[in-house]
Structure formats: structure tokens, C-alpha cells
Amino acid sequence: MAADIAVKDIAYHRSGSLELLARLYTPRGSGPFPAVVDVHGGAWTSGDRTQNEAIHTPLVEAGIMVCALDFQNAPAGAYPVAVQEVNLGIRWMKAHAAELGSRTELVGGLGSSSGGQTLLLNMLKPKEPRYAALKLAEAPNEDASLAYVVACWPVADPVARYRMVKSNGNERLATNHHLYWGPEGAIAEASPQHILEAGRLPRLPPLLIIQGTSDDNLTPDMADRFEAAYRRAGGQVEQRKYAGQPHTFITKTPTAPESLAALEAIKAFILAQAATINARRK
């Protein structure tokens, strides 16, 4: 870890014996910094707040704060538990943004794979009562809306992904779906793709999608379909594709040219959004 980065873990939620941590990566110097709440992947059943460190470190070195969340994986965190915990984590970061070195209106999100689905779901339904079920005593009126979002290889249509893995005979991923979702109907209910297509949405924040063209963990058209639906719904969206790259390519090969290019795109997007927000403030 670079010497100009401060790292600390803070509990954002306690309930009985359960303690959920957020790992805060803060640039040295004076803020307020743009801040992203990171939601890791792991097919809803594995991973923790350290999983995307290959993404976190370059962002913080560029002057972007990162709040990487732990949340319960399935089966303990089966739907909608993990969604509720991420919703709370977003609200917690927004409520404490000023004291941590950011501002509420500078808080965006970054989600990868299944974490991309969880983040997109909260982005589309930030005030959904079931998802906002965990109370935040210090900011009871805060919601989980985000200023901007980066989605890296997101499972934007978990229904299509489930059908694909069943058809391909991928029992590991099919089992993970069952552990997290239970009946297939729940998958459709929480599909960002289906929610977008149904309409009646709040304001859509600017969105950047990062996708490799050799990602066999998703259907080949998943990112394109979500991009098109987002644009039809009135959202500002950009997709960056990286030729020949697989699922989770940045964290698998962080120093590869494609990974470095993707990281530069993510940094540029976040800093541009922050600059726009700051300009409106003047």
C-alpha cells in the first residue's frame, strides 16, 4: 500500500454478535474527496471488503476515497439480507461523508459481478422499504441514492445468468444462485434489467459499465442490453469494452494493459463526475 494512503476499518453496523466492517481508503491531503462505496462480487456467496484492492489502491492514489463494504454472503446473507446491508452501508457513508473527508453529494458507488447487481438494485430502488429496512439512527431520513455508479462486469440480468449456467451445466454457479435467491421468482424481482424495463424509476445517476468481451460468466449481450435499457430510461451511460478480457479481469491481472486502461477510465469517470458536482455548487 502506498505511503500516501490511510487505511482503517470501521464498523458501520452492529446487531447482536454481528459486526459489519467498512474498509476506508483515504487519500492524504485536504478533501473533500469524491467517495465510492465498493460492493464486491463472489457469486453472492464469497468475498469480503478486501477483494477489490487492486481497484481500490489506484483510485485512492488518484484522490478518490473508497469505502469497501463487508456484508453477509449467502446463505446467511441470502436475498434480501445482503441488499439491505449494502443499502445501509451506502446510507452510513453518506451520513458520515463530511467527517470522513468527503461530502454527501460526492458519494457514488462501484460494484463488481454479483456486487454489481446488488449495487445496481439499490441504485434503482434506493428508497425501497424492504431494502432500507435496517435503520440508521444518526440519519433516519438518509436514503441510498448515489451521485454516480461504476459497474464492473455486473450481473445486470441474474435471470439470464441463471438460465445460462443451468444450460451450460455449471452446477457451482447454479448452486450459488439457489443459496442466495431461493425460488427463481425472487431473481426476476431483483433483476436490474427487468426493473429498468418496467419503468417508473427515480432519477438515474450517470453510469459507467466496464466489460470484457471474453466474459463467459455472463451472457454475451448482458452489458449491451443493460446499457440500451438505461439509455431508453433517460439515463446517461457509457460502456467501455476490453477485447479478449474475461470476468474480473482487472483483479485477475491488474498490471495488464487492458486492466490499466480500464482503471484509467474508472478514475477519469469518477473525477469528471466530481468536477461536475463541484461546479454546480459554485
C-alpha atoms as a PDB file:
ATOM      1  CA  MET A   1       0.000   0.000   0.000  1.00  0.00           C
ATOM      2  CA  ALA A   2       1.325   3.433  -0.957  1.00  0.00           C
ATOM      3  CA  ALA A   3       2.560   5.642   1.892  1.00  0.00           C
ATOM      4  CA  ASP A   4       0.171   8.451   0.911  1.00  0.00           C
ATOM      5  CA  ILE A   5      -2.944   6.327   1.608  1.00  0.00           C
ATOM      6  CA  ALA A   6      -4.621   5.951   5.004  1.00  0.00           C
ATOM      7  CA  VAL A   7      -6.497   2.684   5.598  1.00  0.00           C
ATOM      8  CA  LYS A   8      -8.781   1.863   8.504  1.00  0.00           C
ATOM      9  CA  ASP A   9     -11.716  -0.417   9.277  1.00  0.00           C
ATOM     10  CA  ILE A  10     -14.862   0.981  10.870  1.00  0.00           C
ATOM     11  CA  ALA A  11     -17.963  -0.934  11.936  1.00  0.00           C
ATOM     12  CA  TYR A  12     -20.935   0.503  10.053  1.00  0.00           C
ATOM     13  CA  HIS A  13     -23.445  -1.953  11.548  1.00  0.00           C
ATOM     14  CA  ARG A  14     -23.740  -3.954  14.766  1.00  0.00           C
ATOM     15  CA  SER A  15     -26.603  -6.251  15.687  1.00  0.00           C
ATOM     16  CA  GLY A  16     -26.121  -8.768  18.483  1.00  0.00           C
ATOM     17  CA  SER A  17     -22.960 -10.697  17.651  1.00  0.00           C
ATOM     18  CA  LEU A  18     -22.939  -9.429  14.056  1.00  0.00           C
ATOM     19  CA  GLU A  19     -20.438  -6.687  13.183  1.00  0.00           C
ATOM     20  CA  LEU A  20     -20.091  -5.453   9.620  1.00  0.00           C
ATOM     21  CA  LEU A  21     -16.961  -3.518   8.681  1.00  0.00           C
ATOM     22  CA  ALA A  22     -16.267  -0.882   6.077  1.00  0.00           C
ATOM     23  CA  ARG A  23     -12.652  -0.511   4.979  1.00  0.00           C
ATOM     24  CA  LEU A  24     -11.913   3.141   4.322  1.00  0.00           C
ATOM     25  CA  TYR A  25      -9.111   4.096   1.960  1.00  0.00           C
ATOM     26  CA  THR A  26      -8.483   7.833   2.274  1.00  0.00           C
ATOM     27  CA  PRO A  27      -6.061   9.915   0.204  1.00  0.00           C
ATOM     28  CA  ARG A  28      -3.616  12.061   2.144  1.00  0.00           C
ATOM     29  CA  GLY A  29      -4.207  15.763   1.854  1.00  0.00           C
ATOM     30  CA  SER A  30      -7.195  18.020   2.074  1.00  0.00           C
ATOM     31  CA  GLY A  31     -10.599  16.983   0.824  1.00  0.00           C
ATOM     32  CA  PRO A  32     -13.391  16.853   0.299  1.00  0.00           C
ATOM     33  CA  PHE A  33     -12.710  13.861  -1.926  1.00  0.00           C
ATOM     34  CA  PRO A  34     -15.116  12.056  -4.218  1.00  0.00           C
ATOM     35  CA  ALA A  35     -16.001   8.775  -2.498  1.00  0.00           C
ATOM     36  CA  VAL A  36     -17.171   5.438  -3.850  1.00  0.00           C
ATOM     37  CA  VAL A  37     -18.921   2.722  -1.872  1.00  0.00           C
ATOM     38  CA  ASP A  38     -17.488  -0.564  -3.176  1.00  0.00           C
ATOM     39  CA  VAL A  39     -19.647  -3.717  -3.304  1.00  0.00           C
ATOM     40  CA  HIS A  40     -17.571  -6.827  -4.013  1.00  0.00           C
ATOM     41  CA  GLY A  41     -18.561  -9.830  -6.086  1.00  0.00           C
ATOM     42  CA  GLY A  42     -18.283 -13.542  -5.377  1.00  0.00           C
ATOM     43  CA  ALA A  43     -21.482 -15.055  -6.827  1.00  0.00           C
ATOM     44  CA  TRP A  44     -23.347 -13.806  -3.711  1.00  0.00           C
ATOM     45  CA  THR A  45     -21.617 -16.494  -1.602  1.00  0.00           C
ATOM     46  CA  SER A  46     -17.996 -15.403  -1.058  1.00  0.00           C
ATOM     47  CA  GLY A  47     -15.619 -12.451  -0.897  1.00  0.00           C
ATOM     48  CA  ASP A  48     -15.078  -9.575   1.502  1.00  0.00           C
ATOM     49  CA  ARG A  49     -14.117  -5.895   1.651  1.00  0.00           C
ATOM     50  CA  THR A  50     -10.520  -6.627   0.566  1.00  0.00           C
ATOM     51  CA  GLN A  51     -11.474  -8.367  -2.677  1.00  0.00           C
ATOM     52  CA  ASN A  52     -11.149  -5.384  -4.998  1.00  0.00           C
ATOM     53  CA  GLU A  53      -7.985  -3.899  -3.528  1.00  0.00           C
ATOM     54  CA  ALA A  54      -6.406  -3.920  -6.996  1.00  0.00           C
ATOM     55  CA  ILE A  55      -9.069  -1.356  -7.909  1.00  0.00           C
ATOM     56  CA  HIS A  56      -9.140   0.489  -4.589  1.00  0.00           C
ATOM     57  CA  THR A  57      -5.464   1.425  -4.449  1.00  0.00           C
ATOM     58  CA  PRO A  58      -5.222   3.161  -7.864  1.00  0.00           C
ATOM     59  CA  LEU A  59      -8.414   5.084  -7.147  1.00  0.00           C
ATOM     60  CA  VAL A  60      -7.141   6.389  -3.818  1.00  0.00           C
ATOM     61  CA  GLU A  61      -3.809   7.291  -5.390  1.00  0.00           C
ATOM     62  CA  ALA A  62      -5.836   9.448  -7.819  1.00  0.00           C
ATOM     63  CA  GLY A  63      -7.530  11.297  -4.949  1.00  0.00           C
ATOM     64  CA  ILE A  64     -10.692   9.189  -4.658  1.00  0.00           C
ATOM     65  CA  MET A  65     -11.866   7.856  -1.305  1.00  0.00           C
ATOM     66  CA  VAL A  66     -13.070   4.237  -1.204  1.00  0.00           C
ATOM     67  CA  CYS A  67     -15.467   2.728   1.321  1.00  0.00           C
ATOM     68  CA  ALA A  68     -15.345  -1.052   0.751  1.00  0.00           C
ATOM     69  CA  LEU A  69     -18.168  -2.881   2.480  1.00  0.00           C
ATOM     70  CA  ASP A  70     -18.362  -6.222   4.161  1.00  0.00           C
ATOM     71  CA  PHE A  71     -21.834  -7.753   4.092  1.00  0.00           C
ATOM     72  CA  GLN A  72     -23.105 -11.244   4.761  1.00  0.00           C
ATOM     73  CA  ASN A  73     -22.693 -13.773   1.984  1.00  0.00           C
ATOM     74  CA  ALA A  74     -25.290 -16.481   1.350  1.00  0.00           C
ATOM     75  CA  PRO A  75     -26.684 -18.491   2.972  1.00  0.00           C
ATOM     76  CA  ALA A  76     -26.641 -16.138   5.999  1.00  0.00           C
ATOM     77  CA  GLY A  77     -26.902 -13.159   3.661  1.00  0.00           C
ATOM     78  CA  ALA A  78     -29.483 -14.659   1.302  1.00  0.00           C
ATOM     79  CA  TYR A  79     -31.690 -12.180  -0.578  1.00  0.00           C
ATOM     80  CA  PRO A  80     -32.681  -9.605   0.553  1.00  0.00           C
ATOM     81  CA  VAL A  81     -30.319  -9.544   3.589  1.00  0.00           C
ATOM     82  CA  ALA A  82     -27.167  -8.558   1.688  1.00  0.00           C
ATOM     83  CA  VAL A  83     -29.117  -5.948  -0.282  1.00  0.00           C
ATOM     84  CA  GLN A  84     -30.319  -4.436   2.995  1.00  0.00           C
ATOM     85  CA  GLU A  85     -26.802  -4.347   4.411  1.00  0.00           C
ATOM     86  CA  VAL A  86     -25.406  -2.656   1.309  1.00  0.00           C
ATOM     87  CA  ASN A  87     -28.284  -0.172   1.384  1.00  0.00           C
ATOM     88  CA  LEU A  88     -27.359   0.608   4.997  1.00  0.00           C
ATOM     89  CA  GLY A  89     -23.667   0.883   4.098  1.00  0.00           C
ATOM     90  CA  ILE A  90     -24.437   3.469   1.417  1.00  0.00           C
ATOM     91  CA  ARG A  91     -26.569   5.485   3.825  1.00  0.00           C
ATOM     92  CA  TRP A  92     -23.889   5.224   6.501  1.00  0.00           C
ATOM     93  CA  MET A  93     -21.212   6.549   4.154  1.00  0.00           C
ATOM     94  CA  LYS A  94     -23.405   9.433   3.036  1.00  0.00           C
ATOM     95  CA  ALA A  95     -24.306  10.326   6.622  1.00  0.00           C
ATOM     96  CA  HIS A  96     -20.648  10.357   7.713  1.00  0.00           C
ATOM     97  CA  ALA A  97     -19.127  11.706   4.497  1.00  0.00           C
ATOM     98  CA  ALA A  98     -18.160  15.118   5.857  1.00  0.00           C
ATOM     99  CA  GLU A  99     -16.349  13.817   8.939  1.00  0.00           C
ATOM    100  CA  LEU A 100     -14.535  11.202   6.856  1.00  0.00           C
ATOM    101  CA  GLY A 101     -13.247  13.671   4.241  1.00  0.00           C
ATOM    102  CA  SER A 102     -15.918  13.756   1.533  1.00  0.00           C
ATOM    103  CA  ARG A 103     -19.391  15.283   1.093  1.00  0.00           C
ATOM    104  CA  THR A 104     -22.746  13.543   0.837  1.00  0.00           C
ATOM    105  CA  GLU A 105     -23.331  14.700  -2.737  1.00  0.00           C
ATOM    106  CA  LEU A 106     -19.912  13.339  -3.818  1.00  0.00           C
ATOM    107  CA  VAL A 107     -20.715   9.738  -2.824  1.00  0.00           C
ATOM    108  CA  GLY A 108     -21.047   7.276  -5.707  1.00  0.00           C
ATOM    109  CA  GLY A 109     -20.827   3.511  -5.998  1.00  0.00           C
ATOM    110  CA  LEU A 110     -18.640   0.840  -7.555  1.00  0.00           C
ATOM    111  CA  GLY A 111     -19.833  -2.754  -7.836  1.00  0.00           C
ATOM    112  CA  SER A 112     -18.366  -5.833  -9.479  1.00  0.00           C
ATOM    113  CA  SER A 113     -20.065  -9.013 -10.711  1.00  0.00           C
ATOM    114  CA  SER A 114     -22.762 -10.074  -8.210  1.00  0.00           C
ATOM    115  CA  GLY A 115     -21.855  -6.963  -6.233  1.00  0.00           C
ATOM    116  CA  GLY A 116     -22.662  -5.000  -9.366  1.00  0.00           C
ATOM    117  CA  GLN A 117     -26.166  -6.494  -9.301  1.00  0.00           C
ATOM    118  CA  THR A 118     -26.569  -5.609  -5.622  1.00  0.00           C
ATOM    119  CA  LEU A 119     -25.350  -2.062  -6.179  1.00  0.00           C
ATOM    120  CA  LEU A 120     -27.474  -1.523  -9.303  1.00  0.00           C
ATOM    121  CA  LEU A 121     -30.537  -2.796  -7.444  1.00  0.00           C
ATOM    122  CA  ASN A 122     -30.011  -0.257  -4.662  1.00  0.00           C
ATOM    123  CA  MET A 123     -29.274   2.433  -7.241  1.00  0.00           C
ATOM    124  CA  LEU A 124     -32.595   1.772  -8.985  1.00  0.00           C
ATOM    125  CA  LYS A 125     -34.602   1.371  -5.768  1.00  0.00           C
ATOM    126  CA  PRO A 126     -32.767   3.479  -3.152  1.00  0.00           C
ATOM    127  CA  LYS A 127     -35.893   4.051  -1.052  1.00  0.00           C
ATOM    128  CA  GLU A 128     -37.486   0.603  -1.365  1.00  0.00           C
ATOM    129  CA  PRO A 129     -38.771  -0.097   2.165  1.00  0.00           C
ATOM    130  CA  ARG A 130     -37.602  -3.725   2.210  1.00  0.00           C
ATOM    131  CA  TYR A 131     -34.094  -2.779   1.113  1.00  0.00           C
ATOM    132  CA  ALA A 132     -33.924   0.172   3.550  1.00  0.00           C
ATOM    133  CA  ALA A 133     -35.218  -1.969   6.436  1.00  0.00           C
ATOM    134  CA  LEU A 134     -32.086  -1.559   8.589  1.00  0.00           C
ATOM    135  CA  LYS A 135     -32.337   1.711  10.480  1.00  0.00           C
ATOM    136  CA  LEU A 136     -29.551   4.279  10.704  1.00  0.00           C
ATOM    137  CA  ALA A 137     -30.173   6.069  13.988  1.00  0.00           C
ATOM    138  CA  GLU A 138     -27.927   9.048  13.284  1.00  0.00           C
ATOM    139  CA  ALA A 139     -29.540   9.783   9.887  1.00  0.00           C
ATOM    140  CA  PRO A 140     -33.049   8.293   9.757  1.00  0.00           C
ATOM    141  CA  ASN A 141     -34.024  10.283   6.663  1.00  0.00           C
ATOM    142  CA  GLU A 142     -30.957   9.434   4.552  1.00  0.00           C
ATOM    143  CA  ASP A 143     -31.522   7.223   1.501  1.00  0.00           C
ATOM    144  CA  ALA A 144     -29.271   5.066  -0.674  1.00  0.00           C
ATOM    145  CA  SER A 145     -29.324   7.215  -3.799  1.00  0.00           C
ATOM    146  CA  LEU A 146     -25.918   7.661  -5.438  1.00  0.00           C
ATOM    147  CA  ALA A 147     -24.348  10.514  -7.391  1.00  0.00           C
ATOM    148  CA  TYR A 148     -22.774   8.193  -9.999  1.00  0.00           C
ATOM    149  CA  VAL A 149     -22.079   4.478 -10.414  1.00  0.00           C
ATOM    150  CA  VAL A 150     -19.344   2.288 -11.894  1.00  0.00           C
ATOM    151  CA  ALA A 151     -20.447  -1.272 -12.680  1.00  0.00           C
ATOM    152  CA  CYS A 152     -17.635  -3.719 -13.474  1.00  0.00           C
ATOM    153  CA  TRP A 153     -18.819  -6.863 -15.312  1.00  0.00           C
ATOM    154  CA  PRO A 154     -22.166  -6.664 -13.453  1.00  0.00           C
ATOM    155  CA  VAL A 155     -24.727  -9.453 -13.302  1.00  0.00           C
ATOM    156  CA  ALA A 156     -27.291  -6.946 -14.549  1.00  0.00           C
ATOM    157  CA  ASP A 157     -29.764  -9.683 -15.506  1.00  0.00           C
ATOM    158  CA  PRO A 158     -29.491 -12.505 -12.945  1.00  0.00           C
ATOM    159  CA  VAL A 159     -32.407 -14.337 -14.594  1.00  0.00           C
ATOM    160  CA  ALA A 160     -30.496 -14.621 -17.874  1.00  0.00           C
ATOM    161  CA  ARG A 161     -27.332 -15.582 -15.990  1.00  0.00           C
ATOM    162  CA  TYR A 162     -29.157 -18.314 -14.041  1.00  0.00           C
ATOM    163  CA  ARG A 163     -30.642 -19.787 -17.212  1.00  0.00           C
ATOM    164  CA  MET A 164     -27.242 -19.664 -18.897  1.00  0.00           C
ATOM    165  CA  VAL A 165     -25.438 -21.524 -16.104  1.00  0.00           C
ATOM    166  CA  LYS A 166     -28.216 -24.113 -15.927  1.00  0.00           C
ATOM    167  CA  SER A 167     -28.000 -24.644 -19.680  1.00  0.00           C
ATOM    168  CA  ASN A 168     -24.203 -24.884 -19.536  1.00  0.00           C
ATOM    169  CA  GLY A 169     -24.281 -27.366 -16.664  1.00  0.00           C
ATOM    170  CA  ASN A 170     -22.338 -25.044 -14.364  1.00  0.00           C
ATOM    171  CA  GLU A 171     -23.536 -26.586 -11.112  1.00  0.00           C
ATOM    172  CA  ARG A 172     -21.304 -24.414  -8.924  1.00  0.00           C
ATOM    173  CA  LEU A 173     -22.854 -21.161 -10.093  1.00  0.00           C
ATOM    174  CA  ALA A 174     -26.346 -22.671 -10.224  1.00  0.00           C
ATOM    175  CA  THR A 175     -25.953 -23.780  -6.598  1.00  0.00           C
ATOM    176  CA  ASN A 176     -24.807 -20.294  -5.623  1.00  0.00           C
ATOM    177  CA  HIS A 177     -27.930 -18.856  -7.227  1.00  0.00           C
ATOM    178  CA  HIS A 178     -30.089 -21.251  -5.198  1.00  0.00           C
ATOM    179  CA  LEU A 179     -28.269 -20.395  -1.957  1.00  0.00           C
ATOM    180  CA  TYR A 180     -28.784 -16.691  -2.454  1.00  0.00           C
ATOM    181  CA  TRP A 181     -32.071 -16.362  -4.295  1.00  0.00           C
ATOM    182  CA  GLY A 182     -34.178 -19.361  -3.451  1.00  0.00           C
ATOM    183  CA  PRO A 183     -37.075 -19.571  -5.961  1.00  0.00           C
ATOM    184  CA  GLU A 184     -36.458 -18.193  -9.445  1.00  0.00           C
ATOM    185  CA  GLY A 185     -39.223 -15.625  -8.952  1.00  0.00           C
ATOM    186  CA  ALA A 186     -37.057 -13.722  -6.481  1.00  0.00           C
ATOM    187  CA  ILE A 187     -34.340 -13.444  -9.132  1.00  0.00           C
ATOM    188  CA  ALA A 188     -36.739 -11.702 -11.510  1.00  0.00           C
ATOM    189  CA  GLU A 189     -37.969  -9.344  -8.792  1.00  0.00           C
ATOM    190  CA  ALA A 190     -34.434  -8.120  -8.116  1.00  0.00           C
ATOM    191  CA  SER A 191     -33.155  -8.044 -11.702  1.00  0.00           C
ATOM    192  CA  PRO A 192     -31.846  -4.563 -12.587  1.00  0.00           C
ATOM    193  CA  GLN A 193     -32.615  -5.308 -16.240  1.00  0.00           C
ATOM    194  CA  HIS A 194     -36.247  -6.166 -15.509  1.00  0.00           C
ATOM    195  CA  ILE A 195     -36.646  -3.160 -13.202  1.00  0.00           C
ATOM    196  CA  LEU A 196     -35.339  -0.803 -15.878  1.00  0.00           C
ATOM    197  CA  GLU A 197     -37.654  -2.263 -18.490  1.00  0.00           C
ATOM    198  CA  ALA A 198     -40.652  -1.912 -16.155  1.00  0.00           C
ATOM    199  CA  GLY A 199     -40.077   1.844 -15.798  1.00  0.00           C
ATOM    200  CA  ARG A 200     -41.340   4.145 -13.025  1.00  0.00           C
ATOM    201  CA  LEU A 201     -37.832   4.903 -11.808  1.00  0.00           C
ATOM    202  CA  PRO A 202     -36.243   7.689  -9.756  1.00  0.00           C
ATOM    203  CA  ARG A 203     -33.524   9.907 -11.209  1.00  0.00           C
ATOM    204  CA  LEU A 204     -30.866   7.739 -12.821  1.00  0.00           C
ATOM    205  CA  PRO A 205     -27.280   8.722 -11.963  1.00  0.00           C
ATOM    206  CA  PRO A 206     -24.500   8.702 -14.581  1.00  0.00           C
ATOM    207  CA  LEU A 207     -23.274   5.146 -15.114  1.00  0.00           C
ATOM    208  CA  LEU A 208     -20.037   3.632 -16.421  1.00  0.00           C
ATOM    209  CA  ILE A 209     -20.004  -0.066 -17.366  1.00  0.00           C
ATOM    210  CA  ILE A 210     -16.686  -1.939 -17.609  1.00  0.00           C
ATOM    211  CA  GLN A 211     -16.902  -5.180 -19.574  1.00  0.00           C
ATOM    212  CA  GLY A 212     -14.523  -7.706 -21.113  1.00  0.00           C
ATOM    213  CA  THR A 213     -15.522  -9.244 -24.443  1.00  0.00           C
ATOM    214  CA  SER A 214     -14.475 -12.784 -23.402  1.00  0.00           C
ATOM    215  CA  ASP A 215     -16.520 -12.883 -20.214  1.00  0.00           C
ATOM    216  CA  ASP A 216     -18.081 -16.365 -20.166  1.00  0.00           C
ATOM    217  CA  ASN A 217     -19.562 -15.738 -16.712  1.00  0.00           C
ATOM    218  CA  LEU A 218     -22.301 -13.594 -18.260  1.00  0.00           C
ATOM    219  CA  THR A 219     -24.439 -13.840 -21.373  1.00  0.00           C
ATOM    220  CA  PRO A 220     -22.608 -12.133 -24.253  1.00  0.00           C
ATOM    221  CA  ASP A 221     -25.261  -9.431 -24.631  1.00  0.00           C
ATOM    222  CA  MET A 222     -25.896  -8.667 -20.949  1.00  0.00           C
ATOM    223  CA  ALA A 223     -23.956  -5.416 -20.696  1.00  0.00           C
ATOM    224  CA  ASP A 224     -25.232  -4.197 -24.077  1.00  0.00           C
ATOM    225  CA  ARG A 225     -28.850  -4.865 -23.129  1.00  0.00           C
ATOM    226  CA  PHE A 226     -28.492  -3.038 -19.844  1.00  0.00           C
ATOM    227  CA  GLU A 227     -26.767  -0.089 -21.489  1.00  0.00           C
ATOM    228  CA  ALA A 228     -29.572   0.186 -24.049  1.00  0.00           C
ATOM    229  CA  ALA A 229     -32.312  -0.069 -21.412  1.00  0.00           C
ATOM    230  CA  TYR A 230     -30.578   2.537 -19.240  1.00  0.00           C
ATOM    231  CA  ARG A 231     -30.376   4.950 -22.147  1.00  0.00           C
ATOM    232  CA  ARG A 232     -34.034   4.345 -23.069  1.00  0.00           C
ATOM    233  CA  ALA A 233     -34.975   5.125 -19.460  1.00  0.00           C
ATOM    234  CA  GLY A 234     -33.280   8.518 -19.773  1.00  0.00           C
ATOM    235  CA  GLY A 235     -30.018   7.698 -18.000  1.00  0.00           C
ATOM    236  CA  GLN A 236     -26.545   8.854 -19.004  1.00  0.00           C
ATOM    237  CA  VAL A 237     -24.467   5.727 -19.603  1.00  0.00           C
ATOM    238  CA  GLU A 238     -21.135   4.785 -21.132  1.00  0.00           C
ATOM    239  CA  GLN A 239     -19.811   1.273 -21.674  1.00  0.00           C
ATOM    240  CA  ARG A 240     -16.109   0.533 -22.065  1.00  0.00           C
ATOM    241  CA  LYS A 241     -15.320  -2.844 -23.638  1.00  0.00           C
ATOM    242  CA  TYR A 242     -11.937  -4.570 -23.415  1.00  0.00           C
ATOM    243  CA  ALA A 243     -11.130  -7.062 -26.134  1.00  0.00           C
ATOM    244  CA  GLY A 244     -10.373 -10.616 -25.073  1.00  0.00           C
ATOM    245  CA  GLN A 245     -10.776  -9.914 -21.362  1.00  0.00           C
ATOM    246  CA  PRO A 246     -12.544 -12.374 -19.024  1.00  0.00           C
ATOM    247  CA  HIS A 247     -14.735 -11.878 -15.972  1.00  0.00           C
ATOM    248  CA  THR A 248     -12.997  -9.921 -13.170  1.00  0.00           C
ATOM    249  CA  PHE A 249     -10.076  -9.116 -15.478  1.00  0.00           C
ATOM    250  CA  ILE A 250      -8.826  -6.095 -13.509  1.00  0.00           C
ATOM    251  CA  THR A 251      -8.435  -8.033 -10.266  1.00  0.00           C
ATOM    252  CA  LYS A 252      -7.063 -11.112 -12.059  1.00  0.00           C
ATOM    253  CA  THR A 253      -4.350  -9.268 -13.971  1.00  0.00           C
ATOM    254  CA  PRO A 254      -4.139  -5.733 -12.519  1.00  0.00           C
ATOM    255  CA  THR A 255      -0.982  -4.749 -14.390  1.00  0.00           C
ATOM    256  CA  ALA A 256      -2.110  -5.950 -17.843  1.00  0.00           C
ATOM    257  CA  PRO A 257      -2.544  -3.150 -20.410  1.00  0.00           C
ATOM    258  CA  GLU A 258      -6.308  -3.667 -20.591  1.00  0.00           C
ATOM    259  CA  SER A 259      -6.622  -3.540 -16.810  1.00  0.00           C
ATOM    260  CA  LEU A 260      -4.581  -0.374 -16.579  1.00  0.00           C
ATOM    261  CA  ALA A 261      -6.702   1.191 -19.328  1.00  0.00           C
ATOM    262  CA  ALA A 262      -9.899   0.212 -17.517  1.00  0.00           C
ATOM    263  CA  LEU A 263      -8.602   1.690 -14.259  1.00  0.00           C
ATOM    264  CA  GLU A 264      -7.803   4.940 -16.034  1.00  0.00           C
ATOM    265  CA  ALA A 265     -11.345   5.007 -17.443  1.00  0.00           C
ATOM    266  CA  ILE A 266     -12.830   4.460 -13.977  1.00  0.00           C
ATOM    267  CA  LYS A 267     -10.675   7.186 -12.413  1.00  0.00           C
ATOM    268  CA  ALA A 268     -11.459   9.654 -15.199  1.00  0.00           C
ATOM    269  CA  PHE A 269     -15.194   8.983 -14.930  1.00  0.00           C
ATOM    270  CA  ILE A 270     -15.322   9.474 -11.149  1.00  0.00           C
ATOM    271  CA  LEU A 271     -13.193  12.620 -11.213  1.00  0.00           C
ATOM    272  CA  ALA A 272     -15.290  14.074 -14.047  1.00  0.00           C
ATOM    273  CA  GLN A 273     -18.498  13.428 -12.093  1.00  0.00           C
ATOM    274  CA  ALA A 274     -16.999  15.048  -9.015  1.00  0.00           C
ATOM    275  CA  ALA A 275     -15.901  18.071 -11.042  1.00  0.00           C
ATOM    276  CA  THR A 276     -19.432  18.490 -12.411  1.00  0.00           C
ATOM    277  CA  ILE A 277     -20.937  18.241  -8.928  1.00  0.00           C
ATOM    278  CA  ASN A 278     -18.444  20.766  -7.543  1.00  0.00           C
ATOM    279  CA  ALA A 279     -19.096  23.166 -10.419  1.00  0.00           C
ATOM    280  CA  ARG A 280     -22.827  23.150  -9.629  1.00  0.00           C
ATOM    281  CA  ARG A 281     -22.007  24.055  -6.046  1.00  0.00           C
ATOM    282  CA  LYS A 282     -20.235  27.305  -7.014  1.00  0.00           C
END
